[in-house]
Amino acid sequence: MGIEPGNSRRGERSGGGCTLAAVAVIACSSMLPARAEELPVFDGPRAFAHLEAIAALGPRPSGSEAMTRQRALLAAHFRAAGGIVNGQAFEIPDRRTGTRVHMENLIVEWHPDRRDRVLIGAHYDTRPFPDRDPVDPRGPFIGANDGASGVALLMELARAMPTLPGPIGVDFVLFDAEEYVVEPRDPYFLGSTFFARQYAAARQQGTIAHRYRCGVIVDMVADRDLEIWQEQRSATWPDTRPVVESIWGVAARRGVRQFIPRPKYTIDDDHVPLRMIGRIPTCDIIDFDYPHWHTMHDTPKQCAPEALAAVGGVVLEWLRSDWLRGPAE
């Protein structure tokens, strides 16, 4: 991800992280259906346990063995929750060797019979190196906040998806290769760009029946000192402004002070190709005031379950809100 000029933007292995077995226990114990009179609530500590388990895999750049293990872990988790999981594979040459690198977006469908849908996305790759680290810019990069936090939020959000009221369906999309960047001129957002092109082509050819009413990207949402300002483009594009206003409105009603109802940074993130290529009005929920961005210190120690609970709770209530129950504009 990147920033416009004049804006500030876009590890060591954390001890005590959860093991893959812990993820399986969390998944199995949390997928029991709620009683009819209850709706699942977003559980911050449970989401944080997912974050720790993902970080325990180590660096997860596109094409790596750790990324392959993460992909299998996530597919199993979302299927256990009742989602329909499909991969969307593509390849690009390795930036250094020219060897073809396998990359794969994961698409998790909830209520696939509903044609009017919302996309909730997060990137699940990590940058190859912590290029902003002042000590070792070619050291290991764990990406607990920048990589694992959005994924962990979706893993916990999955518990609430089977009971989501209609008429809106939801797709989680985990994007590969958002940060497959070795040199400064390398392009970002390869996974979301590929997804957006495939979706736009299918819509034009009439080969898919569904359409996305809007989309939301969650990125870097676990900072201990969480501040979610409105991303500048998201707040000013005419088709995404209502999405931003509805989400920040939910945060205000819930008293979630971490959502600040004013724009601050102009950020290049996965929402840009989704909107510009896929024509999906997509906003970016991101905390860009994160001092450990792209350094070896982006570990679970810098993250907090309360941050995940704040963002996850807002997103879940928004998905259940009357704003999405009304007719599409």
C-alpha atoms as a PDB file:
ATOM      1  CA  MET A   1       0.000   0.000   0.000  1.00  0.00           C
ATOM      2  CA  GLY A   2       1.151   3.564  -0.527  1.00  0.00           C
ATOM      3  CA  ILE A   3       0.384   7.209   0.116  1.00  0.00           C
ATOM      4  CA  GLU A   4       0.119  10.414  -1.788  1.00  0.00           C
ATOM      5  CA  PRO A   5       3.101  12.784  -1.454  1.00  0.00           C
ATOM      6  CA  GLY A   6       3.002  14.682   1.808  1.00  0.00           C
ATOM      7  CA  ASN A   7       1.239  11.922   3.729  1.00  0.00           C
ATOM      8  CA  SER A   8       2.880   9.326   5.982  1.00  0.00           C
ATOM      9  CA  ARG A   9       2.151   5.785   4.827  1.00  0.00           C
ATOM     10  CA  ARG A  10       2.513   2.725   3.062  1.00  0.00           C
ATOM     11  CA  GLY A  11       9.760  -9.184  12.489  1.00  0.00           C
ATOM     12  CA  GLU A  12      10.908 -10.835  14.861  1.00  0.00           C
ATOM     13  CA  ARG A  13       9.016 -14.036  15.717  1.00  0.00           C
ATOM     14  CA  SER A  14       6.740 -13.378  18.660  1.00  0.00           C
ATOM     15  CA  GLY A  15       7.152 -15.687  21.597  1.00  0.00           C
ATOM     16  CA  GLY A  16       4.113 -17.292  23.154  1.00  0.00           C
ATOM     17  CA  GLY A  17       2.028 -17.281  19.957  1.00  0.00           C
ATOM     18  CA  CYS A  18      -0.736 -19.828  19.459  1.00  0.00           C
ATOM     19  CA  THR A  19       0.049 -22.982  17.547  1.00  0.00           C
ATOM     20  CA  LEU A  20      -1.918 -24.298  14.582  1.00  0.00           C
ATOM     21  CA  ALA A  21      -3.528 -26.768  16.954  1.00  0.00           C
ATOM     22  CA  ALA A  22      -4.789 -23.836  18.978  1.00  0.00           C
ATOM     23  CA  VAL A  23      -6.438 -22.438  15.876  1.00  0.00           C
ATOM     24  CA  ALA A  24      -8.220 -25.745  15.337  1.00  0.00           C
ATOM     25  CA  VAL A  25      -9.474 -25.695  18.935  1.00  0.00           C
ATOM     26  CA  ILE A  26     -10.685 -22.123  18.539  1.00  0.00           C
ATOM     27  CA  ALA A  27     -12.424 -22.961  15.281  1.00  0.00           C
ATOM     28  CA  CYS A  28     -14.127 -26.108  16.540  1.00  0.00           C
ATOM     29  CA  SER A  29     -15.276 -24.564  19.801  1.00  0.00           C
ATOM     30  CA  SER A  30     -16.582 -21.400  18.181  1.00  0.00           C
ATOM     31  CA  MET A  31     -18.594 -22.795  15.294  1.00  0.00           C
ATOM     32  CA  LEU A  32     -21.481 -24.129  17.351  1.00  0.00           C
ATOM     33  CA  PRO A  33     -24.695 -22.412  16.247  1.00  0.00           C
ATOM     34  CA  ALA A  34     -26.149 -19.756  18.512  1.00  0.00           C
ATOM     35  CA  ARG A  35     -29.551 -20.287  20.061  1.00  0.00           C
ATOM     36  CA  ALA A  36     -32.388 -18.791  18.072  1.00  0.00           C
ATOM     37  CA  GLU A  37     -32.826 -15.872  20.474  1.00  0.00           C
ATOM     38  CA  GLU A  38     -29.123 -14.967  20.430  1.00  0.00           C
ATOM     39  CA  LEU A  39     -26.912 -13.398  17.792  1.00  0.00           C
ATOM     40  CA  PRO A  40     -23.140 -13.893  17.964  1.00  0.00           C
ATOM     41  CA  VAL A  41     -21.115 -10.940  19.171  1.00  0.00           C
ATOM     42  CA  PHE A  42     -17.617 -10.117  18.009  1.00  0.00           C
ATOM     43  CA  ASP A  43     -15.076 -11.485  20.501  1.00  0.00           C
ATOM     44  CA  GLY A  44     -11.839  -9.456  20.599  1.00  0.00           C
ATOM     45  CA  PRO A  45      -9.745 -11.973  22.590  1.00  0.00           C
ATOM     46  CA  ARG A  46     -10.784 -14.754  20.224  1.00  0.00           C
ATOM     47  CA  ALA A  47      -9.785 -12.633  17.229  1.00  0.00           C
ATOM     48  CA  PHE A  48      -6.480 -11.817  18.927  1.00  0.00           C
ATOM     49  CA  ALA A  49      -5.773 -15.525  19.406  1.00  0.00           C
ATOM     50  CA  HIS A  50      -6.194 -15.926  15.647  1.00  0.00           C
ATOM     51  CA  LEU A  51      -3.746 -13.055  15.102  1.00  0.00           C
ATOM     52  CA  GLU A  52      -1.175 -14.717  17.355  1.00  0.00           C
ATOM     53  CA  ALA A  53      -1.579 -18.046  15.576  1.00  0.00           C
ATOM     54  CA  ILE A  54      -1.065 -16.470  12.168  1.00  0.00           C
ATOM     55  CA  ALA A  55       1.978 -14.519  13.370  1.00  0.00           C
ATOM     56  CA  ALA A  56       3.421 -17.768  14.772  1.00  0.00           C
ATOM     57  CA  LEU A  57       3.694 -19.028  11.177  1.00  0.00           C
ATOM     58  CA  GLY A  58       6.432 -16.458  10.681  1.00  0.00           C
ATOM     59  CA  PRO A  59       6.855 -14.244   7.601  1.00  0.00           C
ATOM     60  CA  ARG A  60       4.190 -15.047   4.973  1.00  0.00           C
ATOM     61  CA  PRO A  61       5.230 -13.413   1.696  1.00  0.00           C
ATOM     62  CA  SER A  62       3.534 -14.527  -1.497  1.00  0.00           C
ATOM     63  CA  GLY A  63       4.751 -17.874  -2.772  1.00  0.00           C
ATOM     64  CA  SER A  64       6.361 -18.924   0.523  1.00  0.00           C
ATOM     65  CA  GLU A  65       5.836 -22.167   2.413  1.00  0.00           C
ATOM     66  CA  ALA A  66       4.362 -20.215   5.332  1.00  0.00           C
ATOM     67  CA  MET A  67       1.836 -18.621   2.982  1.00  0.00           C
ATOM     68  CA  THR A  68       0.842 -22.080   1.742  1.00  0.00           C
ATOM     69  CA  ARG A  69       0.324 -23.253   5.338  1.00  0.00           C
ATOM     70  CA  GLN A  70      -1.670 -20.127   6.144  1.00  0.00           C
ATOM     71  CA  ARG A  71      -3.886 -20.638   3.095  1.00  0.00           C
ATOM     72  CA  ALA A  72      -4.704 -24.202   4.146  1.00  0.00           C
ATOM     73  CA  LEU A  73      -5.381 -23.066   7.723  1.00  0.00           C
ATOM     74  CA  LEU A  74      -7.764 -20.345   6.565  1.00  0.00           C
ATOM     75  CA  ALA A  75      -9.627 -22.534   4.093  1.00  0.00           C
ATOM     76  CA  ALA A  76     -10.232 -25.124   6.812  1.00  0.00           C
ATOM     77  CA  HIS A  77     -11.333 -22.458   9.304  1.00  0.00           C
ATOM     78  CA  PHE A  78     -13.865 -20.798   7.026  1.00  0.00           C
ATOM     79  CA  ARG A  79     -15.273 -24.108   5.807  1.00  0.00           C
ATOM     80  CA  ALA A  80     -15.747 -25.207   9.409  1.00  0.00           C
ATOM     81  CA  ALA A  81     -17.674 -21.975   9.984  1.00  0.00           C
ATOM     82  CA  GLY A  82     -20.029 -22.785   7.105  1.00  0.00           C
ATOM     83  CA  GLY A  83     -18.502 -20.697   4.339  1.00  0.00           C
ATOM     84  CA  ILE A  84     -17.936 -21.817   0.752  1.00  0.00           C
ATOM     85  CA  VAL A  85     -14.232 -21.372   0.017  1.00  0.00           C
ATOM     86  CA  ASN A  86     -12.730 -21.054  -3.454  1.00  0.00           C
ATOM     87  CA  GLY A  87      -9.258 -20.120  -4.593  1.00  0.00           C
ATOM     88  CA  GLN A  88      -8.511 -17.666  -7.394  1.00  0.00           C
ATOM     89  CA  ALA A  89      -5.002 -18.493  -8.577  1.00  0.00           C
ATOM     90  CA  PHE A  90      -2.628 -16.454 -10.711  1.00  0.00           C
ATOM     91  CA  GLU A  91       1.128 -16.236 -11.283  1.00  0.00           C
ATOM     92  CA  ILE A  92       3.725 -13.537 -11.750  1.00  0.00           C
ATOM     93  CA  PRO A  93       7.512 -13.704 -12.181  1.00  0.00           C
ATOM     94  CA  ASP A  94       9.592 -13.501  -9.020  1.00  0.00           C
ATOM     95  CA  ARG A  95      10.987  -9.986  -8.690  1.00  0.00           C
ATOM     96  CA  ARG A  96      14.532 -11.279  -8.199  1.00  0.00           C
ATOM     97  CA  THR A  97      14.856 -14.565 -10.116  1.00  0.00           C
ATOM     98  CA  GLY A  98      12.145 -14.447 -12.780  1.00  0.00           C
ATOM     99  CA  THR A  99      10.748 -17.794 -11.605  1.00  0.00           C
ATOM    100  CA  ARG A 100       6.954 -18.032 -11.774  1.00  0.00           C
ATOM    101  CA  VAL A 101       5.372 -17.563  -8.338  1.00  0.00           C
ATOM    102  CA  HIS A 102       2.003 -19.094  -7.436  1.00  0.00           C
ATOM    103  CA  MET A 103      -0.388 -16.616  -5.866  1.00  0.00           C
ATOM    104  CA  GLU A 104      -3.968 -17.168  -4.820  1.00  0.00           C
ATOM    105  CA  ASN A 105      -6.815 -15.061  -3.531  1.00  0.00           C
ATOM    106  CA  LEU A 106      -9.274 -16.821  -1.232  1.00  0.00           C
ATOM    107  CA  ILE A 107     -12.982 -16.105  -1.690  1.00  0.00           C
ATOM    108  CA  VAL A 108     -15.348 -17.117   1.122  1.00  0.00           C
ATOM    109  CA  GLU A 109     -19.039 -16.986   0.257  1.00  0.00           C
ATOM    110  CA  TRP A 110     -21.817 -16.609   2.816  1.00  0.00           C
ATOM    111  CA  HIS A 111     -25.414 -17.093   1.681  1.00  0.00           C
ATOM    112  CA  PRO A 112     -24.454 -17.621  -1.986  1.00  0.00           C
ATOM    113  CA  ASP A 113     -28.113 -17.600  -3.070  1.00  0.00           C
ATOM    114  CA  ARG A 114     -28.317 -13.850  -2.352  1.00  0.00           C
ATOM    115  CA  ARG A 115     -27.427 -11.949  -5.509  1.00  0.00           C
ATOM    116  CA  ASP A 116     -27.015  -8.539  -3.869  1.00  0.00           C
ATOM    117  CA  ARG A 117     -23.725  -8.802  -2.007  1.00  0.00           C
ATOM    118  CA  VAL A 118     -21.118  -6.976   0.071  1.00  0.00           C
ATOM    119  CA  LEU A 119     -17.372  -7.612  -0.143  1.00  0.00           C
ATOM    120  CA  ILE A 120     -15.241  -7.536   3.012  1.00  0.00           C
ATOM    121  CA  GLY A 121     -11.570  -7.806   2.112  1.00  0.00           C
ATOM    122  CA  ALA A 122      -8.127  -8.014   3.701  1.00  0.00           C
ATOM    123  CA  HIS A 123      -4.692  -8.855   2.377  1.00  0.00           C
ATOM    124  CA  TYR A 124      -3.112 -11.958   3.863  1.00  0.00           C
ATOM    125  CA  ASP A 125       0.425 -11.724   2.527  1.00  0.00           C
ATOM    126  CA  THR A 126       3.300  -9.988   4.271  1.00  0.00           C
ATOM    127  CA  ARG A 127       5.914  -7.737   2.752  1.00  0.00           C
ATOM    128  CA  PRO A 128       9.088  -9.650   1.807  1.00  0.00           C
ATOM    129  CA  PHE A 129      11.239  -7.407   4.020  1.00  0.00           C
ATOM    130  CA  PRO A 130      10.757  -4.824   6.799  1.00  0.00           C
ATOM    131  CA  ASP A 131      12.145  -2.125   4.514  1.00  0.00           C
ATOM    132  CA  ARG A 132      11.531   0.710   7.014  1.00  0.00           C
ATOM    133  CA  ASP A 133      13.345  -0.995   9.873  1.00  0.00           C
ATOM    134  CA  PRO A 134      16.214   1.239  11.054  1.00  0.00           C
ATOM    135  CA  VAL A 135      18.409  -1.707  12.070  1.00  0.00           C
ATOM    136  CA  ASP A 136      17.799  -4.498   9.559  1.00  0.00           C
ATOM    137  CA  PRO A 137      15.625  -3.562   6.563  1.00  0.00           C
ATOM    138  CA  ARG A 138      16.182  -7.042   5.094  1.00  0.00           C
ATOM    139  CA  GLY A 139      15.331  -8.937   8.274  1.00  0.00           C
ATOM    140  CA  PRO A 140      12.245 -11.053   9.038  1.00  0.00           C
ATOM    141  CA  PHE A 141       8.871  -9.321   8.840  1.00  0.00           C
ATOM    142  CA  ILE A 142       6.050 -10.892  10.884  1.00  0.00           C
ATOM    143  CA  GLY A 143       3.299  -8.456   9.921  1.00  0.00           C
ATOM    144  CA  ALA A 144       1.089  -8.940  12.973  1.00  0.00           C
ATOM    145  CA  ASN A 145      -0.826  -5.729  12.325  1.00  0.00           C
ATOM    146  CA  ASP A 146       0.021  -5.248   8.649  1.00  0.00           C
ATOM    147  CA  GLY A 147      -1.116  -8.646   7.384  1.00  0.00           C
ATOM    148  CA  ALA A 148      -2.529 -10.741  10.222  1.00  0.00           C
ATOM    149  CA  SER A 149      -4.950  -8.266  11.815  1.00  0.00           C
ATOM    150  CA  GLY A 150      -7.427  -8.036   8.940  1.00  0.00           C
ATOM    151  CA  VAL A 151      -7.356 -11.809   8.505  1.00  0.00           C
ATOM    152  CA  ALA A 152      -7.926 -12.400  12.220  1.00  0.00           C
ATOM    153  CA  LEU A 153     -10.886 -10.023  12.140  1.00  0.00           C
ATOM    154  CA  LEU A 154     -12.475 -11.995   9.293  1.00  0.00           C
ATOM    155  CA  MET A 155     -11.812 -15.300  11.088  1.00  0.00           C
ATOM    156  CA  GLU A 156     -13.779 -14.099  14.105  1.00  0.00           C
ATOM    157  CA  LEU A 157     -16.436 -12.385  11.986  1.00  0.00           C
ATOM    158  CA  ALA A 158     -17.118 -15.767  10.359  1.00  0.00           C
ATOM    159  CA  ARG A 159     -18.940 -16.976  13.484  1.00  0.00           C
ATOM    160  CA  ALA A 160     -21.703 -14.447  12.846  1.00  0.00           C
ATOM    161  CA  MET A 161     -22.150 -14.963   9.118  1.00  0.00           C
ATOM    162  CA  PRO A 162     -24.494 -18.004   9.088  1.00  0.00           C
ATOM    163  CA  THR A 163     -27.112 -16.006  11.039  1.00  0.00           C
ATOM    164  CA  LEU A 164     -26.727 -12.810   9.005  1.00  0.00           C
ATOM    165  CA  PRO A 165     -30.220 -11.578   8.006  1.00  0.00           C
ATOM    166  CA  GLY A 166     -31.087 -11.065   4.356  1.00  0.00           C
ATOM    167  CA  PRO A 167     -31.343  -9.892   1.744  1.00  0.00           C
ATOM    168  CA  ILE A 168     -27.604  -9.141   1.518  1.00  0.00           C
ATOM    169  CA  GLY A 169     -25.012 -11.875   1.010  1.00  0.00           C
ATOM    170  CA  VAL A 170     -21.386 -11.420   2.004  1.00  0.00           C
ATOM    171  CA  ASP A 171     -18.095 -12.487   0.462  1.00  0.00           C
ATOM    172  CA  PHE A 172     -14.836 -12.381   2.381  1.00  0.00           C
ATOM    173  CA  VAL A 173     -11.935 -11.944  -0.039  1.00  0.00           C
ATOM    174  CA  LEU A 174      -8.393 -12.497   1.206  1.00  0.00           C
ATOM    175  CA  PHE A 175      -6.026 -10.890  -1.258  1.00  0.00           C
ATOM    176  CA  ASP A 176      -2.606 -12.293  -2.036  1.00  0.00           C
ATOM    177  CA  ALA A 177       0.315 -10.136  -3.198  1.00  0.00           C
ATOM    178  CA  GLU A 178      -0.877  -6.804  -1.828  1.00  0.00           C
ATOM    179  CA  GLU A 179       2.713  -6.178  -0.742  1.00  0.00           C
ATOM    180  CA  TYR A 180       4.829  -8.334  -3.065  1.00  0.00           C
ATOM    181  CA  VAL A 181       7.268  -5.448  -3.312  1.00  0.00           C
ATOM    182  CA  VAL A 182      11.045  -5.861  -3.450  1.00  0.00           C
ATOM    183  CA  GLU A 183      12.050  -2.591  -5.107  1.00  0.00           C
ATOM    184  CA  PRO A 184      10.356   0.805  -4.685  1.00  0.00           C
ATOM    185  CA  ARG A 185       8.935   0.766  -8.217  1.00  0.00           C
ATOM    186  CA  ASP A 186       7.306  -2.668  -7.905  1.00  0.00           C
ATOM    187  CA  PRO A 187       3.498  -2.553  -8.189  1.00  0.00           C
ATOM    188  CA  TYR A 188       1.242  -3.179  -5.219  1.00  0.00           C
ATOM    189  CA  PHE A 189      -2.223  -4.757  -5.021  1.00  0.00           C
ATOM    190  CA  LEU A 190      -1.660  -7.634  -7.459  1.00  0.00           C
ATOM    191  CA  GLY A 191      -4.330  -9.833  -5.885  1.00  0.00           C
ATOM    192  CA  SER A 192      -7.049  -7.202  -5.679  1.00  0.00           C
ATOM    193  CA  THR A 193      -6.232  -5.976  -9.187  1.00  0.00           C
ATOM    194  CA  PHE A 194      -6.564  -9.508 -10.561  1.00  0.00           C
ATOM    195  CA  PHE A 195      -9.828 -10.012  -8.662  1.00  0.00           C
ATOM    196  CA  ALA A 196     -11.247  -6.689  -9.884  1.00  0.00           C
ATOM    197  CA  ARG A 197     -10.410  -7.470 -13.523  1.00  0.00           C
ATOM    198  CA  GLN A 198     -11.979 -10.918 -13.301  1.00  0.00           C
ATOM    199  CA  TYR A 199     -15.124  -9.512 -11.688  1.00  0.00           C
ATOM    200  CA  ALA A 200     -15.450  -6.642 -14.177  1.00  0.00           C
ATOM    201  CA  ALA A 201     -15.028  -9.009 -17.132  1.00  0.00           C
ATOM    202  CA  ALA A 202     -17.579 -11.465 -15.762  1.00  0.00           C
ATOM    203  CA  ARG A 203     -20.097  -8.682 -15.199  1.00  0.00           C
ATOM    204  CA  GLN A 204     -19.588  -7.366 -18.700  1.00  0.00           C
ATOM    205  CA  GLN A 205     -19.967 -10.845 -20.230  1.00  0.00           C
ATOM    206  CA  GLY A 206     -22.984 -11.657 -18.070  1.00  0.00           C
ATOM    207  CA  THR A 207     -21.412 -14.841 -16.708  1.00  0.00           C
ATOM    208  CA  ILE A 208     -22.199 -14.077 -13.047  1.00  0.00           C
ATOM    209  CA  ALA A 209     -25.570 -13.298 -11.537  1.00  0.00           C
ATOM    210  CA  HIS A 210     -24.409 -11.537  -8.373  1.00  0.00           C
ATOM    211  CA  ARG A 211     -23.147  -8.013  -7.999  1.00  0.00           C
ATOM    212  CA  TYR A 212     -21.377  -6.222  -5.176  1.00  0.00           C
ATOM    213  CA  ARG A 213     -23.343  -3.332  -3.736  1.00  0.00           C
ATOM    214  CA  CYS A 214     -20.229  -2.086  -1.946  1.00  0.00           C
ATOM    215  CA  GLY A 215     -16.997  -3.223  -0.330  1.00  0.00           C
ATOM    216  CA  VAL A 216     -14.879  -2.623   2.759  1.00  0.00           C
ATOM    217  CA  ILE A 217     -11.153  -3.270   3.235  1.00  0.00           C
ATOM    218  CA  VAL A 218      -9.845  -3.858   6.764  1.00  0.00           C
ATOM    219  CA  ASP A 219      -6.105  -3.294   7.125  1.00  0.00           C
ATOM    220  CA  MET A 220      -3.885  -2.619  10.147  1.00  0.00           C
ATOM    221  CA  VAL A 221      -6.753  -2.704  12.625  1.00  0.00           C
ATOM    222  CA  ALA A 222      -5.083  -4.119  15.760  1.00  0.00           C
ATOM    223  CA  ASP A 223      -2.809  -1.255  16.882  1.00  0.00           C
ATOM    224  CA  ARG A 224      -2.725  -0.883  20.681  1.00  0.00           C
ATOM    225  CA  ASP A 225      -3.187   2.849  20.183  1.00  0.00           C
ATOM    226  CA  LEU A 226      -5.966   2.530  17.608  1.00  0.00           C
ATOM    227  CA  GLU A 227      -7.135   5.539  15.598  1.00  0.00           C
ATOM    228  CA  ILE A 228      -9.318   4.945  12.545  1.00  0.00           C
ATOM    229  CA  TRP A 229      -9.507   8.167  10.575  1.00  0.00           C
ATOM    230  CA  GLN A 230     -11.506   8.242   7.363  1.00  0.00           C
ATOM    231  CA  GLU A 231      -9.331   7.560   4.349  1.00  0.00           C
ATOM    232  CA  GLN A 232      -9.379  10.619   2.079  1.00  0.00           C
ATOM    233  CA  ARG A 233     -10.467   8.965  -1.181  1.00  0.00           C
ATOM    234  CA  SER A 234     -13.060   6.790   0.551  1.00  0.00           C
ATOM    235  CA  ALA A 235     -14.602   9.865   2.176  1.00  0.00           C
ATOM    236  CA  THR A 236     -14.721  11.971  -1.000  1.00  0.00           C
ATOM    237  CA  TRP A 237     -15.541   9.612  -3.875  1.00  0.00           C
ATOM    238  CA  PRO A 238     -19.280  10.163  -4.366  1.00  0.00           C
ATOM    239  CA  ASP A 239     -20.097   6.439  -4.515  1.00  0.00           C
ATOM    240  CA  THR A 240     -18.042   5.483  -1.451  1.00  0.00           C
ATOM    241  CA  ARG A 241     -18.904   8.448   0.762  1.00  0.00           C
ATOM    242  CA  PRO A 242     -22.264   6.903   1.801  1.00  0.00           C
ATOM    243  CA  VAL A 243     -20.462   3.689   2.773  1.00  0.00           C
ATOM    244  CA  VAL A 244     -18.035   5.632   4.967  1.00  0.00           C
ATOM    245  CA  GLU A 245     -20.818   7.673   6.540  1.00  0.00           C
ATOM    246  CA  SER A 246     -22.851   4.566   7.343  1.00  0.00           C
ATOM    247  CA  ILE A 247     -19.902   2.759   8.977  1.00  0.00           C
ATOM    248  CA  TRP A 248     -18.720   5.747  11.006  1.00  0.00           C
ATOM    249  CA  GLY A 249     -22.360   6.312  11.940  1.00  0.00           C
ATOM    250  CA  VAL A 250     -22.496   2.820  13.428  1.00  0.00           C
ATOM    251  CA  ALA A 251     -19.282   3.556  15.339  1.00  0.00           C
ATOM    252  CA  ALA A 252     -20.789   6.781  16.736  1.00  0.00           C
ATOM    253  CA  ARG A 253     -23.945   4.981  17.878  1.00  0.00           C
ATOM    254  CA  ARG A 254     -21.829   2.326  19.577  1.00  0.00           C
ATOM    255  CA  GLY A 255     -19.621   4.959  21.222  1.00  0.00           C
ATOM    256  CA  VAL A 256     -16.477   3.635  19.543  1.00  0.00           C
ATOM    257  CA  ARG A 257     -14.184   6.630  19.844  1.00  0.00           C
ATOM    258  CA  GLN A 258     -11.385   5.018  17.856  1.00  0.00           C
ATOM    259  CA  PHE A 259     -13.376   5.810  14.691  1.00  0.00           C
ATOM    260  CA  ILE A 260     -12.672   9.490  14.029  1.00  0.00           C
ATOM    261  CA  PRO A 261     -15.236  11.020  11.641  1.00  0.00           C
ATOM    262  CA  ARG A 262     -12.783  13.140   9.656  1.00  0.00           C
ATOM    263  CA  PRO A 263     -10.459  12.366   6.727  1.00  0.00           C
ATOM    264  CA  LYS A 264      -6.720  12.363   7.279  1.00  0.00           C
ATOM    265  CA  TYR A 265      -4.532  10.333   4.901  1.00  0.00           C
ATOM    266  CA  THR A 266      -4.828   9.574   1.196  1.00  0.00           C
ATOM    267  CA  ILE A 267      -3.851   5.914   1.024  1.00  0.00           C
ATOM    268  CA  ASP A 268      -3.311   3.569  -1.884  1.00  0.00           C
ATOM    269  CA  ASP A 269      -4.700   0.226  -0.768  1.00  0.00           C
ATOM    270  CA  ASP A 270      -6.785  -2.654  -2.132  1.00  0.00           C
ATOM    271  CA  HIS A 271      -9.895  -0.467  -2.226  1.00  0.00           C
ATOM    272  CA  VAL A 272      -8.477   1.486  -5.186  1.00  0.00           C
ATOM    273  CA  PRO A 273      -8.438  -1.294  -7.842  1.00  0.00           C
ATOM    274  CA  LEU A 274     -11.734  -2.659  -6.525  1.00  0.00           C
ATOM    275  CA  ARG A 275     -13.359   0.698  -7.124  1.00  0.00           C
ATOM    276  CA  MET A 276     -11.479   1.886 -10.217  1.00  0.00           C
ATOM    277  CA  ILE A 277     -11.363  -1.442 -12.113  1.00  0.00           C
ATOM    278  CA  GLY A 278     -14.140  -3.524 -10.565  1.00  0.00           C
ATOM    279  CA  ARG A 279     -16.529  -0.572 -10.132  1.00  0.00           C
ATOM    280  CA  ILE A 280     -17.234  -1.730  -6.585  1.00  0.00           C
ATOM    281  CA  PRO A 281     -17.685   1.279  -4.265  1.00  0.00           C
ATOM    282  CA  THR A 282     -15.122   0.273  -1.642  1.00  0.00           C
ATOM    283  CA  CYS A 283     -13.795   2.109   1.396  1.00  0.00           C
ATOM    284  CA  ASP A 284     -10.680   1.495   3.470  1.00  0.00           C
ATOM    285  CA  ILE A 285     -10.775   0.996   7.253  1.00  0.00           C
ATOM    286  CA  ILE A 286      -7.163   1.460   8.294  1.00  0.00           C
ATOM    287  CA  ASP A 287      -5.095   2.858  11.158  1.00  0.00           C
ATOM    288  CA  PHE A 288      -2.192   4.553   9.418  1.00  0.00           C
ATOM    289  CA  ASP A 289      -0.704   6.073  12.558  1.00  0.00           C
ATOM    290  CA  TYR A 290       1.221   2.893  13.366  1.00  0.00           C
ATOM    291  CA  PRO A 291       4.853   3.503  14.367  1.00  0.00           C
ATOM    292  CA  HIS A 292       5.922  -0.097  13.665  1.00  0.00           C
ATOM    293  CA  TRP A 293       4.742  -0.136  10.050  1.00  0.00           C
ATOM    294  CA  HIS A 294       7.122  -2.151   7.850  1.00  0.00           C
ATOM    295  CA  THR A 295       9.583  -2.813  10.675  1.00  0.00           C
ATOM    296  CA  MET A 296      10.608  -5.950  12.555  1.00  0.00           C
ATOM    297  CA  HIS A 297       8.644  -4.658  15.537  1.00  0.00           C
ATOM    298  CA  ASP A 298       5.271  -5.300  13.883  1.00  0.00           C
ATOM    299  CA  THR A 299       4.570  -8.231  16.220  1.00  0.00           C
ATOM    300  CA  PRO A 300       1.629  -9.270  18.411  1.00  0.00           C
ATOM    301  CA  LYS A 301       3.150  -7.286  21.292  1.00  0.00           C
ATOM    302  CA  GLN A 302       2.162  -4.104  19.468  1.00  0.00           C
ATOM    303  CA  CYS A 303      -1.438  -5.280  18.959  1.00  0.00           C
ATOM    304  CA  ALA A 304      -4.439  -5.537  21.269  1.00  0.00           C
ATOM    305  CA  PRO A 305      -7.682  -7.532  21.401  1.00  0.00           C
ATOM    306  CA  GLU A 306      -9.548  -4.336  22.309  1.00  0.00           C
ATOM    307  CA  ALA A 307      -8.604  -2.833  18.945  1.00  0.00           C
ATOM    308  CA  LEU A 308      -9.894  -5.857  17.055  1.00  0.00           C
ATOM    309  CA  ALA A 309     -13.077  -5.806  19.144  1.00  0.00           C
ATOM    310  CA  ALA A 310     -13.664  -2.136  18.330  1.00  0.00           C
ATOM    311  CA  VAL A 311     -13.345  -2.579  14.567  1.00  0.00           C
ATOM    312  CA  GLY A 312     -14.926  -6.020  14.368  1.00  0.00           C
ATOM    313  CA  GLY A 313     -17.920  -4.949  16.433  1.00  0.00           C
ATOM    314  CA  VAL A 314     -18.566  -1.976  14.165  1.00  0.00           C
ATOM    315  CA  VAL A 315     -18.252  -4.035  10.973  1.00  0.00           C
ATOM    316  CA  LEU A 316     -20.584  -6.730  12.296  1.00  0.00           C
ATOM    317  CA  GLU A 317     -23.259  -4.249  13.379  1.00  0.00           C
ATOM    318  CA  TRP A 318     -22.950  -2.466  10.033  1.00  0.00           C
ATOM    319  CA  LEU A 319     -23.531  -5.743   8.174  1.00  0.00           C
ATOM    320  CA  ARG A 320     -26.739  -6.166  10.188  1.00  0.00           C
ATOM    321  CA  SER A 321     -27.811  -2.539   9.773  1.00  0.00           C
ATOM    322  CA  ASP A 322     -30.896  -1.172   8.042  1.00  0.00           C
ATOM    323  CA  TRP A 323     -28.610   0.772   5.696  1.00  0.00           C
ATOM    324  CA  LEU A 324     -27.773  -2.512   3.937  1.00  0.00           C
ATOM    325  CA  ARG A 325     -31.328  -3.839   4.151  1.00  0.00           C
ATOM    326  CA  GLY A 326     -32.708  -1.045   1.974  1.00  0.00           C
ATOM    327  CA  PRO A 327     -32.895  -1.003  -1.823  1.00  0.00           C
ATOM    328  CA  ALA A 328     -29.698  -0.479  -3.795  1.00  0.00           C
ATOM    329  CA  GLU A 329     -29.188   3.006  -5.159  1.00  0.00           C
END
